[in-house]
Amino acid sequence: MSKKKHHLPAEEVEALSFSDGQLFHDIYGTPRSAPRVLAPVADTHGHLGSLHEHNAAESLARAAAAGVRMLIAPVDIAAEFPRKWADITTFKGWFESTLSEARQALIKLAAADLCVSCDLPAEYLFEHTYFMVGAHPYSAPDYNQEAEQRLFELLEHPLCVGVGEIGLDFGPYCEVSEEVQRKVFERQLSIAHEYNQRVELHLRDGADDTHAHDLALEILNRMGVPKAGCDLHCYTDGPEVMKPFADLGCFVAFGGAATFKRSDDIRAAMISCPEAQLLSETDFPYMAPEPLRGGECTPAMVVHTVERLAELRWQQLDIPKEKTYTILWENAQHFVGLA
């Protein structure tokens, strides 16, 4: 009878890199080769303030070592203040110190020869780590005048690139009424229009319907898609649900779920998505991609998702992997207004 494997603590897994020279290990400590990135990689949605098993700064440094050169971190102006940060000043200080500490952590990774080759220097990530601000559907009941004032103030920060994540959630984990969710979603979408901000949407349907996507589509058709851009973050449905959003010009971001064995519908959506609207993300600390599934996701892991997406487009569409890497990077730059 074989012995059952036990998960290793995150700090033990990461320490293995300095003994065997492998940047990635699964939750059992088995080394997993880092993909050879064919262009800089972007994580357009990851919760930098929500890591529990990993240090935020060290995770950011590992992402830089893996070839990640852009990150967008959503910040919930209703739920994360004052629970995580006492006020806006505290948040700004944390954000700046995280970037500073990440630069120092990268020095250690570089000294151990753990940085993959990339067209842009690893430090580029620390100059292009952005954040978005908004109230998630879960925290819609706490969206009040104080929370909205935080949103307005943070939108003025030079590293803030939009309103998000906002949207609708009618899944099993959200008990907020449809009326409250819709009202808060529409209010934040209106602000995005008024201040010419891009948005990232969180849309989760119920078990047997597409109501969240249907209602969001009705709202976008009525209020308009922000000229600055709109992204369906962490897309987990099939091509039919995606198509009307793509027709409106929305970006569609695919994360770790697209690598799971039973995610054929998500992969079909990715294959059918107009390539100018494709984005890559993690939604860390959730949904670590294969072959690292099971542990806490970190921003470095987006390179495994991008490698899988590039491989699928090569296999099914005969598109060279390098082109997919390049498209995903160029789209991310376009989304944040750099191209």
C-alpha atoms as a PDB file:
ATOM      1  CA  MET A   1       0.000   0.000   0.000  1.00  0.00           C
ATOM      2  CA  SER A   2       1.435   3.369  -1.063  1.00  0.00           C
ATOM      3  CA  LYS A   3       1.729   6.158   1.444  1.00  0.00           C
ATOM      4  CA  LYS A   4      -0.440   9.221   0.954  1.00  0.00           C
ATOM      5  CA  LYS A   5       1.513  12.327   0.018  1.00  0.00           C
ATOM      6  CA  HIS A   6       1.295  15.311   2.327  1.00  0.00           C
ATOM      7  CA  HIS A   7       1.202  18.931   1.268  1.00  0.00           C
ATOM      8  CA  LEU A   8       4.263  20.924   2.159  1.00  0.00           C
ATOM      9  CA  PRO A   9       3.966  24.405   3.713  1.00  0.00           C
ATOM     10  CA  ALA A  10       4.318  27.169   1.142  1.00  0.00           C
ATOM     11  CA  GLU A  11       7.580  28.422   2.608  1.00  0.00           C
ATOM     12  CA  GLU A  12       9.125  24.940   2.315  1.00  0.00           C
ATOM     13  CA  VAL A  13       7.985  24.636  -1.296  1.00  0.00           C
ATOM     14  CA  GLU A  14       9.505  27.985  -2.221  1.00  0.00           C
ATOM     15  CA  ALA A  15      12.752  27.195  -0.385  1.00  0.00           C
ATOM     16  CA  LEU A  16      13.252  24.221  -2.716  1.00  0.00           C
ATOM     17  CA  SER A  17      14.024  26.630  -5.558  1.00  0.00           C
ATOM     18  CA  PHE A  18      17.294  27.596  -3.932  1.00  0.00           C
ATOM     19  CA  SER A  19      18.385  23.981  -3.538  1.00  0.00           C
ATOM     20  CA  ASP A  20      17.406  22.487  -6.896  1.00  0.00           C
ATOM     21  CA  GLY A  21      17.281  25.559  -9.164  1.00  0.00           C
ATOM     22  CA  GLN A  22      13.628  25.069 -10.189  1.00  0.00           C
ATOM     23  CA  LEU A  23      11.357  28.109  -9.905  1.00  0.00           C
ATOM     24  CA  PHE A  24       8.138  26.077  -9.579  1.00  0.00           C
ATOM     25  CA  HIS A  25       7.156  23.117  -7.388  1.00  0.00           C
ATOM     26  CA  ASP A  26       3.740  21.621  -6.793  1.00  0.00           C
ATOM     27  CA  ILE A  27       2.211  21.277  -3.323  1.00  0.00           C
ATOM     28  CA  TYR A  28       4.125  18.021  -2.764  1.00  0.00           C
ATOM     29  CA  GLY A  29       7.469  19.615  -3.620  1.00  0.00           C
ATOM     30  CA  THR A  30       7.772  18.017  -7.059  1.00  0.00           C
ATOM     31  CA  PRO A  31       9.626  20.360  -9.426  1.00  0.00           C
ATOM     32  CA  ARG A  32       7.610  21.712 -12.354  1.00  0.00           C
ATOM     33  CA  SER A  33       9.576  23.285 -15.166  1.00  0.00           C
ATOM     34  CA  ALA A  34       9.023  26.979 -15.800  1.00  0.00           C
ATOM     35  CA  PRO A  35       7.736  27.608 -19.329  1.00  0.00           C
ATOM     36  CA  ARG A  36      10.078  29.411 -21.692  1.00  0.00           C
ATOM     37  CA  VAL A  37       8.147  32.636 -22.119  1.00  0.00           C
ATOM     38  CA  LEU A  38       8.057  33.766 -25.754  1.00  0.00           C
ATOM     39  CA  ALA A  39       7.016  37.322 -24.892  1.00  0.00           C
ATOM     40  CA  PRO A  40       6.440  39.238 -21.652  1.00  0.00           C
ATOM     41  CA  VAL A  41       3.437  37.929 -19.710  1.00  0.00           C
ATOM     42  CA  ALA A  42       0.643  39.897 -18.004  1.00  0.00           C
ATOM     43  CA  ASP A  43      -1.574  38.976 -15.074  1.00  0.00           C
ATOM     44  CA  THR A  44      -4.528  41.309 -15.552  1.00  0.00           C
ATOM     45  CA  HIS A  45      -6.279  40.319 -12.327  1.00  0.00           C
ATOM     46  CA  GLY A  46      -4.746  39.111  -9.071  1.00  0.00           C
ATOM     47  CA  HIS A  47      -5.518  39.934  -5.437  1.00  0.00           C
ATOM     48  CA  LEU A  48      -2.134  41.063  -4.127  1.00  0.00           C
ATOM     49  CA  GLY A  49      -3.576  41.883  -0.719  1.00  0.00           C
ATOM     50  CA  SER A  50      -5.296  38.509  -0.268  1.00  0.00           C
ATOM     51  CA  LEU A  51      -2.401  36.045  -0.214  1.00  0.00           C
ATOM     52  CA  HIS A  52      -2.409  33.966   2.972  1.00  0.00           C
ATOM     53  CA  GLU A  53       0.282  31.322   2.488  1.00  0.00           C
ATOM     54  CA  HIS A  54       2.689  33.499   0.518  1.00  0.00           C
ATOM     55  CA  ASN A  55       4.288  36.873   1.096  1.00  0.00           C
ATOM     56  CA  ALA A  56       2.999  39.498  -1.355  1.00  0.00           C
ATOM     57  CA  ALA A  57       6.387  41.074  -2.087  1.00  0.00           C
ATOM     58  CA  GLU A  58       8.174  37.755  -2.516  1.00  0.00           C
ATOM     59  CA  SER A  59       5.358  36.500  -4.762  1.00  0.00           C
ATOM     60  CA  LEU A  60       5.701  39.597  -6.899  1.00  0.00           C
ATOM     61  CA  ALA A  61       9.442  39.006  -7.159  1.00  0.00           C
ATOM     62  CA  ARG A  62       8.886  35.381  -8.205  1.00  0.00           C
ATOM     63  CA  ALA A  63       6.459  36.592 -10.864  1.00  0.00           C
ATOM     64  CA  ALA A  64       9.138  38.893 -12.230  1.00  0.00           C
ATOM     65  CA  ALA A  65      11.598  36.001 -12.223  1.00  0.00           C
ATOM     66  CA  ALA A  66       9.114  33.861 -14.176  1.00  0.00           C
ATOM     67  CA  GLY A  67       8.611  36.430 -16.941  1.00  0.00           C
ATOM     68  CA  VAL A  68       5.582  38.377 -15.701  1.00  0.00           C
ATOM     69  CA  ARG A  69       5.858  42.046 -16.603  1.00  0.00           C
ATOM     70  CA  MET A  70       2.445  43.460 -15.687  1.00  0.00           C
ATOM     71  CA  LEU A  71      -0.053  42.962 -12.864  1.00  0.00           C
ATOM     72  CA  ILE A  72      -3.420  44.524 -12.098  1.00  0.00           C
ATOM     73  CA  ALA A  73      -4.548  44.066  -8.485  1.00  0.00           C
ATOM     74  CA  PRO A  74      -8.212  44.725  -7.613  1.00  0.00           C
ATOM     75  CA  VAL A  75      -8.854  46.538  -4.339  1.00  0.00           C
ATOM     76  CA  ASP A  76     -12.301  46.382  -2.702  1.00  0.00           C
ATOM     77  CA  ILE A  77     -13.123  49.865  -1.416  1.00  0.00           C
ATOM     78  CA  ALA A  78     -16.041  48.527   0.654  1.00  0.00           C
ATOM     79  CA  ALA A  79     -14.825  45.232   2.141  1.00  0.00           C
ATOM     80  CA  GLU A  80     -11.072  45.719   2.560  1.00  0.00           C
ATOM     81  CA  PHE A  81     -11.233  48.988   4.505  1.00  0.00           C
ATOM     82  CA  PRO A  82     -10.650  49.034   7.451  1.00  0.00           C
ATOM     83  CA  ARG A  83     -10.293  45.220   7.649  1.00  0.00           C
ATOM     84  CA  LYS A  84      -6.970  45.118   5.760  1.00  0.00           C
ATOM     85  CA  TRP A  85      -6.011  48.775   5.554  1.00  0.00           C
ATOM     86  CA  ALA A  86      -7.126  51.362   8.089  1.00  0.00           C
ATOM     87  CA  ASP A  87      -7.449  54.057   5.462  1.00  0.00           C
ATOM     88  CA  ILE A  88      -6.233  55.142   2.036  1.00  0.00           C
ATOM     89  CA  THR A  89      -2.915  56.377   3.377  1.00  0.00           C
ATOM     90  CA  THR A  90      -2.269  52.976   4.936  1.00  0.00           C
ATOM     91  CA  PHE A  91      -3.089  51.236   1.667  1.00  0.00           C
ATOM     92  CA  LYS A  92      -0.786  53.490  -0.340  1.00  0.00           C
ATOM     93  CA  GLY A  93       2.027  52.847   2.121  1.00  0.00           C
ATOM     94  CA  TRP A  94       1.487  49.085   1.915  1.00  0.00           C
ATOM     95  CA  PHE A  95       1.426  49.152  -1.877  1.00  0.00           C
ATOM     96  CA  GLU A  96       4.618  51.175  -2.129  1.00  0.00           C
ATOM     97  CA  SER A  97       6.452  49.080   0.470  1.00  0.00           C
ATOM     98  CA  THR A  98       5.383  45.853  -1.265  1.00  0.00           C
ATOM     99  CA  LEU A  99       6.934  47.062  -4.526  1.00  0.00           C
ATOM    100  CA  SER A 100      10.108  48.115  -2.687  1.00  0.00           C
ATOM    101  CA  GLU A 101      10.422  44.790  -0.882  1.00  0.00           C
ATOM    102  CA  ALA A 102       9.786  42.921  -4.140  1.00  0.00           C
ATOM    103  CA  ARG A 103      12.788  44.634  -5.708  1.00  0.00           C
ATOM    104  CA  GLN A 104      14.962  43.386  -2.868  1.00  0.00           C
ATOM    105  CA  ALA A 105      13.549  39.850  -3.073  1.00  0.00           C
ATOM    106  CA  LEU A 106      14.300  39.752  -6.803  1.00  0.00           C
ATOM    107  CA  ILE A 107      17.994  40.316  -6.081  1.00  0.00           C
ATOM    108  CA  LYS A 108      18.075  37.030  -4.154  1.00  0.00           C
ATOM    109  CA  LEU A 109      16.270  35.163  -6.961  1.00  0.00           C
ATOM    110  CA  ALA A 110      18.598  36.600  -9.580  1.00  0.00           C
ATOM    111  CA  ALA A 111      21.649  35.651  -7.528  1.00  0.00           C
ATOM    112  CA  ALA A 112      20.375  32.061  -7.498  1.00  0.00           C
ATOM    113  CA  ASP A 113      20.000  32.181 -11.294  1.00  0.00           C
ATOM    114  CA  LEU A 114      16.221  31.631 -11.048  1.00  0.00           C
ATOM    115  CA  CYS A 115      15.140  34.315 -13.530  1.00  0.00           C
ATOM    116  CA  VAL A 116      13.920  33.141 -16.934  1.00  0.00           C
ATOM    117  CA  SER A 117      14.939  34.961 -20.096  1.00  0.00           C
ATOM    118  CA  CYS A 118      12.551  37.693 -21.234  1.00  0.00           C
ATOM    119  CA  ASP A 119      12.593  40.614 -23.673  1.00  0.00           C
ATOM    120  CA  LEU A 120      12.020  43.120 -20.848  1.00  0.00           C
ATOM    121  CA  PRO A 121      14.022  43.374 -17.609  1.00  0.00           C
ATOM    122  CA  ALA A 122      12.438  41.780 -14.541  1.00  0.00           C
ATOM    123  CA  GLU A 123      12.255  45.176 -12.814  1.00  0.00           C
ATOM    124  CA  TYR A 124       9.745  46.269 -15.470  1.00  0.00           C
ATOM    125  CA  LEU A 125       7.032  44.493 -13.468  1.00  0.00           C
ATOM    126  CA  PHE A 126       7.569  46.731 -10.446  1.00  0.00           C
ATOM    127  CA  GLU A 127       6.973  49.789 -12.627  1.00  0.00           C
ATOM    128  CA  HIS A 128       3.830  48.232 -14.122  1.00  0.00           C
ATOM    129  CA  THR A 129       2.063  46.806 -11.110  1.00  0.00           C
ATOM    130  CA  TYR A 130      -1.267  48.589 -11.103  1.00  0.00           C
ATOM    131  CA  PHE A 131      -4.483  48.403  -9.130  1.00  0.00           C
ATOM    132  CA  MET A 132      -8.198  48.891  -9.714  1.00  0.00           C
ATOM    133  CA  VAL A 133     -10.789  49.985  -7.173  1.00  0.00           C
ATOM    134  CA  GLY A 134     -14.407  48.968  -6.770  1.00  0.00           C
ATOM    135  CA  ALA A 135     -16.922  47.058  -4.712  1.00  0.00           C
ATOM    136  CA  HIS A 136     -17.276  43.334  -5.468  1.00  0.00           C
ATOM    137  CA  PRO A 137     -20.866  42.039  -5.580  1.00  0.00           C
ATOM    138  CA  TYR A 138     -20.280  40.375  -2.205  1.00  0.00           C
ATOM    139  CA  SER A 139     -19.609  43.749  -0.626  1.00  0.00           C
ATOM    140  CA  ALA A 140     -22.380  45.654  -2.405  1.00  0.00           C
ATOM    141  CA  PRO A 141     -24.351  46.119   0.865  1.00  0.00           C
ATOM    142  CA  ASP A 142     -21.343  48.008   2.293  1.00  0.00           C
ATOM    143  CA  TYR A 143     -21.059  50.367  -0.659  1.00  0.00           C
ATOM    144  CA  ASN A 144     -21.866  53.698   0.962  1.00  0.00           C
ATOM    145  CA  GLN A 145     -20.781  57.323   0.746  1.00  0.00           C
ATOM    146  CA  GLU A 146     -17.549  56.606   2.615  1.00  0.00           C
ATOM    147  CA  ALA A 147     -16.657  53.731   0.301  1.00  0.00           C
ATOM    148  CA  GLU A 148     -17.452  55.810  -2.764  1.00  0.00           C
ATOM    149  CA  GLN A 149     -15.222  58.595  -1.500  1.00  0.00           C
ATOM    150  CA  ARG A 150     -12.366  56.072  -1.282  1.00  0.00           C
ATOM    151  CA  LEU A 151     -13.086  55.090  -4.874  1.00  0.00           C
ATOM    152  CA  PHE A 152     -12.881  58.708  -6.055  1.00  0.00           C
ATOM    153  CA  GLU A 153      -9.660  59.376  -4.150  1.00  0.00           C
ATOM    154  CA  LEU A 154      -7.918  56.212  -5.304  1.00  0.00           C
ATOM    155  CA  LEU A 155      -8.929  56.779  -8.927  1.00  0.00           C
ATOM    156  CA  GLU A 156      -6.603  59.797  -8.808  1.00  0.00           C
ATOM    157  CA  HIS A 157      -3.578  57.623  -7.944  1.00  0.00           C
ATOM    158  CA  PRO A 158      -1.157  57.350 -10.906  1.00  0.00           C
ATOM    159  CA  LEU A 159      -1.074  53.542 -10.644  1.00  0.00           C
ATOM    160  CA  CYS A 160      -4.861  53.134 -10.544  1.00  0.00           C
ATOM    161  CA  VAL A 161      -6.103  51.977 -13.951  1.00  0.00           C
ATOM    162  CA  GLY A 162      -9.837  51.521 -13.535  1.00  0.00           C
ATOM    163  CA  VAL A 163     -12.943  50.449 -11.662  1.00  0.00           C
ATOM    164  CA  GLY A 164     -13.111  46.830 -10.628  1.00  0.00           C
ATOM    165  CA  GLU A 165     -13.911  44.245  -9.876  1.00  0.00           C
ATOM    166  CA  ILE A 166     -17.611  45.073 -10.105  1.00  0.00           C
ATOM    167  CA  GLY A 167     -20.572  43.088 -11.370  1.00  0.00           C
ATOM    168  CA  LEU A 168     -23.177  40.513 -10.456  1.00  0.00           C
ATOM    169  CA  ASP A 169     -22.970  37.214  -8.588  1.00  0.00           C
ATOM    170  CA  PHE A 170     -25.945  34.861  -8.366  1.00  0.00           C
ATOM    171  CA  GLY A 171     -23.898  31.828  -7.441  1.00  0.00           C
ATOM    172  CA  PRO A 172     -24.200  29.719  -4.287  1.00  0.00           C
ATOM    173  CA  TYR A 173     -21.811  31.806  -2.190  1.00  0.00           C
ATOM    174  CA  CYS A 174     -23.441  35.216  -2.559  1.00  0.00           C
ATOM    175  CA  GLU A 175     -26.456  36.107  -0.430  1.00  0.00           C
ATOM    176  CA  VAL A 176     -26.746  39.736  -1.556  1.00  0.00           C
ATOM    177  CA  SER A 177     -30.076  40.520  -3.211  1.00  0.00           C
ATOM    178  CA  GLU A 178     -30.237  41.091  -6.941  1.00  0.00           C
ATOM    179  CA  GLU A 179     -31.639  44.576  -6.410  1.00  0.00           C
ATOM    180  CA  VAL A 180     -28.714  45.686  -4.238  1.00  0.00           C
ATOM    181  CA  GLN A 181     -26.138  44.136  -6.572  1.00  0.00           C
ATOM    182  CA  ARG A 182     -27.670  45.720  -9.644  1.00  0.00           C
ATOM    183  CA  LYS A 183     -27.919  49.171  -8.040  1.00  0.00           C
ATOM    184  CA  VAL A 184     -24.262  49.156  -6.915  1.00  0.00           C
ATOM    185  CA  PHE A 185     -23.064  47.747 -10.229  1.00  0.00           C
ATOM    186  CA  GLU A 186     -24.892  50.422 -12.198  1.00  0.00           C
ATOM    187  CA  ARG A 187     -23.610  53.177  -9.916  1.00  0.00           C
ATOM    188  CA  GLN A 188     -19.979  52.115 -10.358  1.00  0.00           C
ATOM    189  CA  LEU A 189     -20.417  51.625 -14.088  1.00  0.00           C
ATOM    190  CA  SER A 190     -21.812  55.161 -14.252  1.00  0.00           C
ATOM    191  CA  ILE A 191     -18.733  56.474 -12.421  1.00  0.00           C
ATOM    192  CA  ALA A 192     -16.481  54.621 -14.869  1.00  0.00           C
ATOM    193  CA  HIS A 193     -18.241  56.377 -17.739  1.00  0.00           C
ATOM    194  CA  GLU A 194     -18.086  59.776 -16.062  1.00  0.00           C
ATOM    195  CA  TYR A 195     -14.375  59.503 -15.234  1.00  0.00           C
ATOM    196  CA  ASN A 196     -13.400  57.658 -18.448  1.00  0.00           C
ATOM    197  CA  GLN A 197     -12.227  54.561 -16.587  1.00  0.00           C
ATOM    198  CA  ARG A 198     -11.967  50.978 -17.798  1.00  0.00           C
ATOM    199  CA  VAL A 199     -13.791  48.274 -15.817  1.00  0.00           C
ATOM    200  CA  GLU A 200     -13.236  44.644 -14.857  1.00  0.00           C
ATOM    201  CA  LEU A 201     -16.424  42.641 -14.457  1.00  0.00           C
ATOM    202  CA  HIS A 202     -17.137  39.773 -12.068  1.00  0.00           C
ATOM    203  CA  LEU A 203     -20.090  37.773 -13.412  1.00  0.00           C
ATOM    204  CA  ARG A 204     -21.179  34.491 -11.847  1.00  0.00           C
ATOM    205  CA  ASP A 205     -24.386  32.727 -12.831  1.00  0.00           C
ATOM    206  CA  GLY A 206     -26.597  30.420 -10.827  1.00  0.00           C
ATOM    207  CA  ALA A 207     -26.334  26.671 -11.234  1.00  0.00           C
ATOM    208  CA  ASP A 208     -28.933  26.340 -13.985  1.00  0.00           C
ATOM    209  CA  ASP A 209     -29.075  29.698 -15.740  1.00  0.00           C
ATOM    210  CA  THR A 210     -27.082  32.561 -17.244  1.00  0.00           C
ATOM    211  CA  HIS A 211     -28.940  35.303 -15.394  1.00  0.00           C
ATOM    212  CA  ALA A 212     -25.865  37.248 -14.225  1.00  0.00           C
ATOM    213  CA  HIS A 213     -24.480  37.457 -17.748  1.00  0.00           C
ATOM    214  CA  ASP A 214     -27.906  38.201 -19.236  1.00  0.00           C
ATOM    215  CA  LEU A 215     -28.573  41.047 -16.809  1.00  0.00           C
ATOM    216  CA  ALA A 216     -25.046  42.454 -17.210  1.00  0.00           C
ATOM    217  CA  LEU A 217     -25.467  42.390 -20.976  1.00  0.00           C
ATOM    218  CA  GLU A 218     -28.771  44.277 -20.689  1.00  0.00           C
ATOM    219  CA  ILE A 219     -27.107  46.884 -18.456  1.00  0.00           C
ATOM    220  CA  LEU A 220     -24.115  47.292 -20.783  1.00  0.00           C
ATOM    221  CA  ASN A 221     -26.395  47.669 -23.791  1.00  0.00           C
ATOM    222  CA  ARG A 222     -28.458  50.281 -21.946  1.00  0.00           C
ATOM    223  CA  MET A 223     -25.641  52.217 -20.269  1.00  0.00           C
ATOM    224  CA  GLY A 224     -22.891  51.521 -22.777  1.00  0.00           C
ATOM    225  CA  VAL A 225     -19.482  49.878 -22.527  1.00  0.00           C
ATOM    226  CA  PRO A 226     -16.926  52.358 -21.119  1.00  0.00           C
ATOM    227  CA  LYS A 227     -14.821  53.824 -23.910  1.00  0.00           C
ATOM    228  CA  ALA A 228     -11.695  53.100 -21.858  1.00  0.00           C
ATOM    229  CA  GLY A 229     -12.458  49.385 -22.011  1.00  0.00           C
ATOM    230  CA  CYS A 230     -14.227  46.478 -20.327  1.00  0.00           C
ATOM    231  CA  ASP A 231     -12.875  43.077 -19.300  1.00  0.00           C
ATOM    232  CA  LEU A 232     -14.827  39.941 -18.355  1.00  0.00           C
ATOM    233  CA  HIS A 233     -12.392  38.762 -15.733  1.00  0.00           C
ATOM    234  CA  CYS A 234     -11.883  35.053 -14.967  1.00  0.00           C
ATOM    235  CA  TYR A 235     -14.151  33.839 -17.751  1.00  0.00           C
ATOM    236  CA  THR A 236     -15.508  30.360 -16.985  1.00  0.00           C
ATOM    237  CA  ASP A 237     -18.405  29.830 -19.414  1.00  0.00           C
ATOM    238  CA  GLY A 238     -18.687  28.643 -22.987  1.00  0.00           C
ATOM    239  CA  PRO A 239     -18.549  30.428 -26.356  1.00  0.00           C
ATOM    240  CA  GLU A 240     -22.290  31.194 -26.556  1.00  0.00           C
ATOM    241  CA  VAL A 241     -22.359  33.211 -23.331  1.00  0.00           C
ATOM    242  CA  MET A 242     -19.161  35.046 -24.284  1.00  0.00           C
ATOM    243  CA  LYS A 243     -20.092  36.035 -27.842  1.00  0.00           C
ATOM    244  CA  PRO A 244     -22.467  38.973 -27.190  1.00  0.00           C
ATOM    245  CA  PHE A 245     -19.916  40.542 -24.836  1.00  0.00           C
ATOM    246  CA  ALA A 246     -17.162  40.072 -27.398  1.00  0.00           C
ATOM    247  CA  ASP A 247     -19.443  41.638 -29.995  1.00  0.00           C
ATOM    248  CA  LEU A 248     -19.654  44.707 -27.736  1.00  0.00           C
ATOM    249  CA  GLY A 249     -15.863  44.926 -27.779  1.00  0.00           C
ATOM    250  CA  CYS A 250     -15.207  43.544 -24.303  1.00  0.00           C
ATOM    251  CA  PHE A 251     -11.913  41.903 -23.464  1.00  0.00           C
ATOM    252  CA  VAL A 252     -12.162  38.366 -22.075  1.00  0.00           C
ATOM    253  CA  ALA A 253      -9.589  37.171 -19.531  1.00  0.00           C
ATOM    254  CA  PHE A 254      -8.790  33.488 -19.082  1.00  0.00           C
ATOM    255  CA  GLY A 255      -7.127  32.122 -15.973  1.00  0.00           C
ATOM    256  CA  GLY A 256      -6.182  28.860 -14.329  1.00  0.00           C
ATOM    257  CA  ALA A 257      -9.623  27.311 -14.805  1.00  0.00           C
ATOM    258  CA  ALA A 258      -8.914  27.102 -18.541  1.00  0.00           C
ATOM    259  CA  THR A 259      -6.187  24.535 -17.795  1.00  0.00           C
ATOM    260  CA  PHE A 260      -8.386  22.155 -15.774  1.00  0.00           C
ATOM    261  CA  LYS A 261      -9.227  18.768 -17.285  1.00  0.00           C
ATOM    262  CA  ARG A 262     -12.998  19.325 -17.328  1.00  0.00           C
ATOM    263  CA  SER A 263     -12.882  22.866 -18.723  1.00  0.00           C
ATOM    264  CA  ASP A 264     -13.526  22.077 -22.389  1.00  0.00           C
ATOM    265  CA  ASP A 265     -16.221  24.776 -22.586  1.00  0.00           C
ATOM    266  CA  ILE A 266     -13.836  27.442 -21.281  1.00  0.00           C
ATOM    267  CA  ARG A 267     -11.168  26.362 -23.739  1.00  0.00           C
ATOM    268  CA  ALA A 268     -13.723  26.462 -26.568  1.00  0.00           C
ATOM    269  CA  ALA A 269     -14.552  30.044 -25.590  1.00  0.00           C
ATOM    270  CA  MET A 270     -10.871  30.956 -25.610  1.00  0.00           C
ATOM    271  CA  ILE A 271     -10.406  29.420 -29.048  1.00  0.00           C
ATOM    272  CA  SER A 272     -13.400  31.346 -30.446  1.00  0.00           C
ATOM    273  CA  CYS A 273     -12.593  34.669 -28.770  1.00  0.00           C
ATOM    274  CA  PRO A 274     -11.396  37.386 -31.163  1.00  0.00           C
ATOM    275  CA  GLU A 275      -7.655  37.447 -30.630  1.00  0.00           C
ATOM    276  CA  ALA A 276      -7.545  41.230 -30.162  1.00  0.00           C
ATOM    277  CA  GLN A 277      -9.740  40.767 -27.074  1.00  0.00           C
ATOM    278  CA  LEU A 278      -7.869  37.939 -25.327  1.00  0.00           C
ATOM    279  CA  LEU A 279      -6.295  38.574 -21.917  1.00  0.00           C
ATOM    280  CA  SER A 280      -4.453  36.386 -19.399  1.00  0.00           C
ATOM    281  CA  GLU A 281      -4.866  36.423 -15.610  1.00  0.00           C
ATOM    282  CA  THR A 282      -4.698  34.298 -12.473  1.00  0.00           C
ATOM    283  CA  ASP A 283      -7.293  35.676 -10.022  1.00  0.00           C
ATOM    284  CA  PHE A 284      -4.751  34.630  -7.402  1.00  0.00           C
ATOM    285  CA  PRO A 285      -4.864  33.402  -4.671  1.00  0.00           C
ATOM    286  CA  TYR A 286      -7.613  31.294  -6.294  1.00  0.00           C
ATOM    287  CA  MET A 287      -7.566  28.603  -9.003  1.00  0.00           C
ATOM    288  CA  ALA A 288      -3.897  27.735  -9.425  1.00  0.00           C
ATOM    289  CA  PRO A 289      -3.410  26.317 -12.935  1.00  0.00           C
ATOM    290  CA  GLU A 290      -2.235  22.859 -13.866  1.00  0.00           C
ATOM    291  CA  PRO A 291       0.331  21.509 -13.071  1.00  0.00           C
ATOM    292  CA  LEU A 292       0.273  23.466  -9.811  1.00  0.00           C
ATOM    293  CA  ARG A 293      -3.387  23.025  -8.944  1.00  0.00           C
ATOM    294  CA  GLY A 294      -4.228  22.452  -5.293  1.00  0.00           C
ATOM    295  CA  GLY A 295      -2.115  25.112  -3.658  1.00  0.00           C
ATOM    296  CA  GLU A 296      -2.509  28.834  -3.247  1.00  0.00           C
ATOM    297  CA  CYS A 297      -2.174  30.541  -6.612  1.00  0.00           C
ATOM    298  CA  THR A 298       0.456  33.272  -7.020  1.00  0.00           C
ATOM    299  CA  PRO A 299       1.079  35.757  -9.854  1.00  0.00           C
ATOM    300  CA  ALA A 300       4.050  33.793 -11.205  1.00  0.00           C
ATOM    301  CA  MET A 301       1.696  30.954 -12.116  1.00  0.00           C
ATOM    302  CA  VAL A 302       0.102  32.944 -14.940  1.00  0.00           C
ATOM    303  CA  VAL A 303       3.002  31.786 -17.144  1.00  0.00           C
ATOM    304  CA  HIS A 304       1.638  28.226 -16.980  1.00  0.00           C
ATOM    305  CA  THR A 305      -1.796  29.413 -18.083  1.00  0.00           C
ATOM    306  CA  VAL A 306      -0.362  31.434 -20.965  1.00  0.00           C
ATOM    307  CA  GLU A 307       1.729  28.456 -22.086  1.00  0.00           C
ATOM    308  CA  ARG A 308      -1.408  26.275 -22.125  1.00  0.00           C
ATOM    309  CA  LEU A 309      -3.429  28.872 -24.061  1.00  0.00           C
ATOM    310  CA  ALA A 310      -0.630  29.253 -26.586  1.00  0.00           C
ATOM    311  CA  GLU A 311      -0.348  25.483 -26.951  1.00  0.00           C
ATOM    312  CA  LEU A 312      -4.105  25.126 -27.569  1.00  0.00           C
ATOM    313  CA  ARG A 313      -4.187  27.838 -30.215  1.00  0.00           C
ATOM    314  CA  TRP A 314      -1.227  26.184 -31.928  1.00  0.00           C
ATOM    315  CA  GLN A 315      -2.854  22.741 -31.831  1.00  0.00           C
ATOM    316  CA  GLN A 316      -6.367  23.812 -32.859  1.00  0.00           C
ATOM    317  CA  LEU A 317      -5.818  26.940 -34.957  1.00  0.00           C
ATOM    318  CA  ASP A 318      -2.272  26.375 -36.225  1.00  0.00           C
ATOM    319  CA  ILE A 319      -1.251  29.715 -34.707  1.00  0.00           C
ATOM    320  CA  PRO A 320       2.403  29.799 -33.614  1.00  0.00           C
ATOM    321  CA  LYS A 321       2.791  29.875 -29.859  1.00  0.00           C
ATOM    322  CA  GLU A 322       4.959  32.980 -30.022  1.00  0.00           C
ATOM    323  CA  LYS A 323       2.114  34.873 -31.718  1.00  0.00           C
ATOM    324  CA  THR A 324      -0.293  34.030 -28.894  1.00  0.00           C
ATOM    325  CA  TYR A 325       2.251  35.154 -26.305  1.00  0.00           C
ATOM    326  CA  THR A 326       2.709  38.408 -28.216  1.00  0.00           C
ATOM    327  CA  ILE A 327      -1.015  38.977 -28.672  1.00  0.00           C
ATOM    328  CA  LEU A 328      -1.748  38.476 -24.978  1.00  0.00           C
ATOM    329  CA  TRP A 329       0.989  40.929 -24.020  1.00  0.00           C
ATOM    330  CA  GLU A 330      -0.034  43.546 -26.578  1.00  0.00           C
ATOM    331  CA  ASN A 331      -3.687  43.253 -25.548  1.00  0.00           C
ATOM    332  CA  ALA A 332      -2.784  43.794 -21.891  1.00  0.00           C
ATOM    333  CA  GLN A 333      -0.812  46.901 -22.834  1.00  0.00           C
ATOM    334  CA  HIS A 334      -3.738  48.151 -24.874  1.00  0.00           C
ATOM    335  CA  PHE A 335      -6.151  47.465 -22.033  1.00  0.00           C
ATOM    336  CA  VAL A 336      -4.250  49.678 -19.604  1.00  0.00           C
ATOM    337  CA  GLY A 337      -3.595  52.362 -22.207  1.00  0.00           C
ATOM    338  CA  LEU A 338       0.101  51.733 -22.880  1.00  0.00           C
ATOM    339  CA  ALA A 339      -0.435  50.945 -26.556  1.00  0.00           C
END
